[in-house]
Protein backbone atom coordinates (compact mmCIF):
# COMPACT_ATOMS: atom_id res chain seq x y z
CA MET A 1 42.39 33.66 -60.69
CA GLN A 2 39.59 31.17 -60.67
CA ALA A 3 39.72 27.82 -62.47
CA ARG A 4 36.65 27.53 -64.70
CA ALA A 5 35.26 25.47 -67.55
CA ALA A 6 32.99 26.69 -70.34
CA GLY A 7 29.95 25.06 -68.71
CA SER A 8 30.52 26.62 -65.30
CA LEU A 9 31.10 30.07 -66.78
CA THR A 10 27.93 29.78 -68.86
CA GLY A 11 26.06 28.81 -65.70
CA THR A 12 27.37 31.87 -63.90
CA VAL A 13 26.27 34.13 -66.74
CA GLY A 14 22.87 32.43 -66.55
CA THR A 15 22.44 33.39 -62.90
CA HIS A 16 23.02 37.04 -63.79
CA ALA A 17 20.60 36.83 -66.71
CA LEU A 18 17.59 35.72 -64.64
CA VAL A 19 15.97 39.12 -65.17
CA LEU A 20 15.65 38.46 -68.91
CA PRO A 21 12.61 36.83 -70.48
CA ASP A 22 13.16 33.09 -71.00
CA ASP A 23 13.66 33.33 -74.78
CA GLU A 24 16.21 36.16 -74.49
CA ARG A 25 18.04 34.34 -71.70
CA ALA A 26 18.24 31.16 -73.79
CA ALA A 27 19.55 33.12 -76.78
CA LEU A 28 22.17 34.87 -74.62
CA LEU A 29 23.39 31.60 -73.12
CA ALA A 30 23.58 30.03 -76.59
CA ARG A 31 25.77 32.94 -77.75
CA VAL A 32 27.99 32.57 -74.67
CA ARG A 33 28.40 28.81 -75.31
CA GLU A 34 29.17 29.44 -79.01
CA TYR A 35 31.75 32.10 -78.15
CA LEU A 36 33.49 29.95 -75.54
CA ALA A 37 33.54 26.99 -77.93
CA SER A 38 35.11 29.15 -80.66
CA ARG A 39 38.07 30.30 -78.54
CA PRO A 40 41.09 28.03 -78.20
CA GLU A 41 41.61 29.28 -74.63
CA THR A 42 38.16 28.09 -73.50
CA ALA A 43 37.08 25.44 -76.01
CA THR A 44 38.41 22.43 -74.11
CA GLY A 45 39.12 21.77 -70.48
CA ARG A 46 39.72 24.26 -67.75
CA PHE A 47 41.01 27.80 -67.97
CA ASP A 48 41.91 30.50 -65.47
CA LEU A 49 39.47 33.37 -65.22
CA PRO A 50 40.84 36.55 -63.65
CA ILE A 51 38.51 37.85 -60.95
CA VAL A 52 38.31 41.62 -60.58
CA THR A 53 36.42 43.31 -57.78
CA LEU A 54 35.63 47.00 -57.84
CA ALA A 55 34.56 48.76 -54.67
CA GLU A 56 33.76 52.29 -53.66
CA ARG A 57 33.94 53.60 -50.14
CA MET A 58 31.58 56.35 -49.14
CA VAL A 59 31.04 58.30 -45.97
CA LEU A 60 27.50 59.11 -44.94
CA ARG A 61 27.20 62.76 -44.00
CA PRO A 62 24.51 64.11 -41.73
CA ARG A 63 21.59 65.72 -43.54
CA VAL A 64 21.63 69.48 -43.73
CA GLN A 65 18.32 71.07 -42.81
CA ALA A 66 16.93 73.35 -45.50
CA VAL A 67 16.53 76.94 -44.45
CA LYS A 68 12.99 78.23 -44.95
CA SER A 69 12.67 81.81 -46.01
């Protein structure tokens, strides 16, 4: 769990939205702020945000040489 506030969560979303054009990024962040303000769990003060990490483990195999015919 991570203690967050609506402003800090919006800021985090903003860092992941840097690839968007400025107008789309601003619209997305406005929607995030509106959503967080509309929820009793996140509208005032701090809240706990569950952090989930997904990982995959892979093994690199040696390349197989193609057989020419």
